[in-house]
Amino acid sequence: MTATAPLDVLIVDDSAAIRKILQRVLRQTDLPLGEIQEAGDGTEAVDILKNRHFGLILSDINMPQMDGLQLLARIKDMEHLKNVPVIMITTEGGQGKVMEAVQLGATGYVRKPFTAEQIKEKLTAFM
């Protein structure tokens, strides 16, 4: 991926407030962003991902219907998405779920509450 190609982003979180905050934070980074789409849970995200390609996915771990770990496993099973970076956003205090996410192929994770600087740091690390 070239540095000038705009990155379409999918934000997956059951909290509309967190999705809005993440959108604002993403726009504050100097990264070349394309379209930012939102999903309220993993099931909604899978429906969106069937028809669209994204350059980055930010996903909560704890969500109803399909949680972030189940979503991550589904993403890594989809041929057109398996190489898309997925950053997990979590309130998990323990390392268990975070380590599981990394084993499933997550690119990284950020703990809630997060700062714009932490998000930017994670994103610039893999871009």
Protein backbone atom coordinates (compact mmCIF):
# COMPACT_ATOMS: atom_id res chain seq x y z
CA MET A 1 0.00 0.00 0.00
CA THR A 2 1.36 3.42 -0.89
CA ALA A 3 1.35 6.21 1.65
CA THR A 4 -0.91 8.30 -0.58
CA ALA A 5 -3.68 5.74 -1.06
CA PRO A 6 -6.66 6.75 1.08
CA LEU A 7 -7.60 4.15 3.65
CA ASP A 8 -11.23 3.09 4.02
CA VAL A 9 -11.92 2.22 7.66
CA LEU A 10 -14.60 0.12 9.35
CA ILE A 11 -15.29 0.86 13.02
CA VAL A 12 -17.11 -1.92 14.89
CA ASP A 13 -18.40 -1.13 18.39
CA ASP A 14 -21.75 -1.55 20.10
CA SER A 15 -21.41 1.95 21.58
CA ALA A 16 -22.41 4.72 19.17
CA ALA A 17 -20.49 7.18 21.37
CA ILE A 18 -17.25 5.19 21.03
CA ARG A 19 -17.75 4.92 17.25
CA LYS A 20 -18.11 8.72 17.02
CA ILE A 21 -15.04 9.27 19.22
CA LEU A 22 -12.99 6.87 17.08
CA GLN A 23 -14.12 8.68 13.92
CA ARG A 24 -13.06 12.02 15.40
CA VAL A 25 -9.73 10.57 16.54
CA LEU A 26 -9.07 9.05 13.10
CA ARG A 27 -9.75 12.40 11.42
CA GLN A 28 -7.28 14.06 13.83
CA THR A 29 -4.49 11.76 12.69
CA ASP A 30 -2.58 12.84 9.61
CA LEU A 31 -3.31 9.53 7.93
CA PRO A 32 -4.78 9.54 4.40
CA LEU A 33 -8.33 8.41 5.16
CA GLY A 34 -11.03 7.51 2.70
CA GLU A 35 -14.52 6.53 3.80
CA ILE A 36 -15.20 5.62 7.43
CA GLN A 37 -18.09 3.20 7.98
CA GLU A 38 -19.59 1.97 11.24
CA ALA A 39 -21.13 -1.29 12.45
CA GLY A 40 -22.85 -1.86 15.80
CA ASP A 41 -21.65 -5.45 16.23
CA GLY A 42 -19.79 -8.28 14.52
CA THR A 43 -22.85 -9.57 12.65
CA GLU A 44 -23.47 -6.15 11.08
CA ALA A 45 -19.75 -5.88 10.28
CA VAL A 46 -19.71 -9.24 8.47
CA ASP A 47 -22.67 -8.12 6.33
CA ILE A 48 -20.80 -4.94 5.36
CA LEU A 49 -17.52 -6.80 4.78
CA LYS A 50 -19.11 -9.26 2.33
CA ASN A 51 -19.46 -6.46 -0.24
CA ARG A 52 -16.71 -4.01 0.67
CA HIS A 53 -12.97 -3.96 1.12
CA PHE A 54 -11.43 -1.87 3.88
CA GLY A 55 -7.81 -0.95 4.48
CA LEU A 56 -8.28 -1.04 8.26
CA ILE A 57 -10.76 -2.41 10.78
CA LEU A 58 -11.06 -1.15 14.36
CA SER A 59 -13.16 -3.49 16.50
CA ASP A 60 -14.33 -3.67 20.08
CA ILE A 61 -13.91 -7.09 21.72
CA ASN A 62 -17.01 -7.16 23.94
CA MET A 63 -20.17 -6.84 21.83
CA PRO A 64 -23.55 -8.59 21.70
CA GLN A 65 -24.51 -11.01 18.87
CA MET A 66 -20.97 -11.60 17.58
CA ASP A 67 -18.05 -10.34 19.65
CA GLY A 68 -14.80 -8.96 18.33
CA LEU A 69 -12.93 -12.26 18.62
CA GLN A 70 -15.59 -14.10 16.61
CA LEU A 71 -15.54 -11.26 14.07
CA LEU A 72 -11.75 -11.42 13.85
CA ALA A 73 -11.89 -15.18 13.19
CA ARG A 74 -14.47 -14.58 10.41
CA ILE A 75 -12.36 -11.80 8.85
CA LYS A 76 -9.25 -14.00 8.78
CA ASP A 77 -11.33 -16.72 7.05
CA MET A 78 -12.40 -14.35 4.25
CA GLU A 79 -9.89 -14.53 1.42
CA HIS A 80 -10.27 -10.86 0.39
CA LEU A 81 -9.88 -9.64 4.00
CA LYS A 82 -7.37 -11.92 5.67
CA ASN A 83 -4.50 -9.43 5.22
CA VAL A 84 -6.45 -6.36 6.38
CA PRO A 85 -5.03 -4.95 9.63
CA VAL A 86 -7.44 -5.30 12.55
CA ILE A 87 -6.89 -3.26 15.70
CA MET A 88 -8.89 -4.37 18.73
CA ILE A 89 -10.30 -1.74 21.07
CA THR A 90 -10.93 -3.21 24.51
CA THR A 91 -11.88 -2.59 28.11
CA GLU A 92 -10.44 -6.01 28.96
CA GLY A 93 -8.17 -5.71 31.97
CA GLY A 94 -6.78 -9.23 31.64
CA GLN A 95 -4.38 -10.37 28.98
CA GLY A 96 -6.42 -13.48 28.09
CA LYS A 97 -8.74 -12.00 25.46
CA VAL A 98 -6.02 -9.70 24.15
CA MET A 99 -3.64 -12.64 23.66
CA GLU A 100 -6.45 -14.60 22.00
CA ALA A 101 -7.02 -11.67 19.62
CA VAL A 102 -3.32 -11.54 18.75
CA GLN A 103 -3.28 -15.32 18.13
CA LEU A 104 -6.32 -14.92 15.87
CA GLY A 105 -4.38 -12.39 13.82
CA ALA A 106 -5.11 -8.96 15.31
CA THR A 107 -2.52 -6.39 14.27
CA GLY A 108 -2.65 -4.73 17.68
CA TYR A 109 -4.91 -3.44 20.40
CA VAL A 110 -5.73 -0.28 22.31
CA ARG A 111 -7.30 -0.23 25.76
CA LYS A 112 -10.30 1.97 26.58
CA PRO A 113 -10.22 4.73 27.62
CA PHE A 114 -7.79 5.69 24.86
CA THR A 115 -6.27 8.94 23.70
CA ALA A 116 -6.01 10.23 20.14
CA GLU A 117 -2.24 9.87 20.50
CA GLN A 118 -2.51 6.14 21.35
CA ILE A 119 -4.71 5.46 18.32
CA LYS A 120 -2.41 7.45 16.03
CA GLU A 121 0.64 5.62 17.44
CA LYS A 122 -0.93 2.19 16.74
CA LEU A 123 -1.96 3.16 13.22
CA THR A 124 1.33 4.72 12.18
CA ALA A 125 3.16 1.64 13.49
CA PHE A 126 1.73 -0.60 10.76
CA MET A 127 1.27 1.89 7.91
